[in-house]
Amino acid sequence: MKAQVIVFMHKVQAHVQMQYKPSAIRDFLDAVMPAIPYCIDLIESAYLTTDESRIKAFRPKA
């Protein structure tokens, strides 16, 4: 079974849904989660911060 990730925005809530596969959870968190704060920035919503000891948010330099 492959992990399938579905991310969609509704107003100011982000919903992330994925099919359960234990080995895919860490891959998903490492690959996708850093980009979510920047995605929120792109739609001009709230500015999200992260605990950089756990995960560093991706934001390209202007």
C-alpha atoms as a PDB file:
ATOM      1  CA  MET A   1       0.000   0.000   0.000  1.00  0.00           C
ATOM      2  CA  LYS A   2       1.395   3.391  -0.959  1.00  0.00           C
ATOM      3  CA  ALA A   3       0.857   6.469   1.166  1.00  0.00           C
ATOM      4  CA  GLN A   4      -1.344   9.023  -0.510  1.00  0.00           C
ATOM      5  CA  VAL A   5      -1.228  12.572   0.775  1.00  0.00           C
ATOM      6  CA  ILE A   6      -4.111  14.951   0.252  1.00  0.00           C
ATOM      7  CA  VAL A   7      -3.778  18.556   1.388  1.00  0.00           C
ATOM      8  CA  PHE A   8      -6.552  21.065   0.918  1.00  0.00           C
ATOM      9  CA  MET A   9      -7.341  24.500   2.260  1.00  0.00           C
ATOM     10  CA  HIS A  10     -10.692  25.649   3.549  1.00  0.00           C
ATOM     11  CA  LYS A  11     -10.791  29.279   4.698  1.00  0.00           C
ATOM     12  CA  VAL A  12      -8.002  29.371   7.319  1.00  0.00           C
ATOM     13  CA  GLN A  13      -7.821  25.666   8.135  1.00  0.00           C
ATOM     14  CA  ALA A  14      -5.383  23.281   6.516  1.00  0.00           C
ATOM     15  CA  HIS A  15      -6.430  19.644   6.392  1.00  0.00           C
ATOM     16  CA  VAL A  16      -3.824  16.993   5.774  1.00  0.00           C
ATOM     17  CA  GLN A  17      -5.036  13.467   5.174  1.00  0.00           C
ATOM     18  CA  MET A  18      -2.945  10.441   4.369  1.00  0.00           C
ATOM     19  CA  GLN A  19      -3.509   6.743   4.200  1.00  0.00           C
ATOM     20  CA  TYR A  20      -1.894   4.925   7.073  1.00  0.00           C
ATOM     21  CA  LYS A  21       1.436   3.254   6.459  1.00  0.00           C
ATOM     22  CA  PRO A  22       3.916   3.376   9.353  1.00  0.00           C
ATOM     23  CA  SER A  23       7.029   3.835   7.247  1.00  0.00           C
ATOM     24  CA  ALA A  24       5.430   6.697   5.293  1.00  0.00           C
ATOM     25  CA  ILE A  25       4.596   8.865   8.288  1.00  0.00           C
ATOM     26  CA  ARG A  26       8.181  10.041   8.954  1.00  0.00           C
ATOM     27  CA  ASP A  27       8.830  10.544   5.218  1.00  0.00           C
ATOM     28  CA  PHE A  28       5.702  12.684   4.970  1.00  0.00           C
ATOM     29  CA  LEU A  29       6.564  14.782   7.999  1.00  0.00           C
ATOM     30  CA  ASP A  30      10.134  15.368   6.830  1.00  0.00           C
ATOM     31  CA  ALA A  31       9.168  16.240   3.250  1.00  0.00           C
ATOM     32  CA  VAL A  32       5.873  18.111   3.425  1.00  0.00           C
ATOM     33  CA  MET A  33       5.510  19.699   6.835  1.00  0.00           C
ATOM     34  CA  PRO A  34       8.357  22.240   6.423  1.00  0.00           C
ATOM     35  CA  ALA A  35       6.539  23.758   3.422  1.00  0.00           C
ATOM     36  CA  ILE A  36       3.127  24.221   5.064  1.00  0.00           C
ATOM     37  CA  PRO A  37       3.940  27.553   6.798  1.00  0.00           C
ATOM     38  CA  TYR A  38       5.141  28.972   3.468  1.00  0.00           C
ATOM     39  CA  CYS A  39       1.983  27.742   1.719  1.00  0.00           C
ATOM     40  CA  ILE A  40      -0.058  29.580   4.341  1.00  0.00           C
ATOM     41  CA  ASP A  41       2.052  32.706   3.654  1.00  0.00           C
ATOM     42  CA  LEU A  42       1.261  32.456  -0.068  1.00  0.00           C
ATOM     43  CA  ILE A  43      -2.468  32.735   0.528  1.00  0.00           C
ATOM     44  CA  GLU A  44      -1.790  35.727   2.803  1.00  0.00           C
ATOM     45  CA  SER A  45      -3.177  34.083   5.900  1.00  0.00           C
ATOM     46  CA  ALA A  46      -1.691  33.862   9.402  1.00  0.00           C
ATOM     47  CA  TYR A  47       2.091  33.736   9.812  1.00  0.00           C
ATOM     48  CA  LEU A  48       3.030  30.348  11.225  1.00  0.00           C
ATOM     49  CA  THR A  49       6.181  29.653  13.178  1.00  0.00           C
ATOM     50  CA  THR A  50       7.742  26.324  14.029  1.00  0.00           C
ATOM     51  CA  ASP A  51       9.870  24.965  16.826  1.00  0.00           C
ATOM     52  CA  GLU A  52      13.162  24.806  14.926  1.00  0.00           C
ATOM     53  CA  SER A  53      14.540  22.135  17.229  1.00  0.00           C
ATOM     54  CA  ARG A  54      11.867  19.808  15.806  1.00  0.00           C
ATOM     55  CA  ILE A  55      11.259  21.077  12.260  1.00  0.00           C
ATOM     56  CA  LYS A  56      12.623  24.047  10.283  1.00  0.00           C
ATOM     57  CA  ALA A  57      10.048  25.824   8.138  1.00  0.00           C
ATOM     58  CA  PHE A  58      10.907  26.289   4.460  1.00  0.00           C
ATOM     59  CA  ARG A  59      10.712  29.902   3.333  1.00  0.00           C
ATOM     60  CA  PRO A  60      12.658  30.963   0.229  1.00  0.00           C
ATOM     61  CA  LYS A  61      14.765  34.086   0.499  1.00  0.00           C
ATOM     62  CA  ALA A  62      13.137  37.116  -1.091  1.00  0.00           C
END
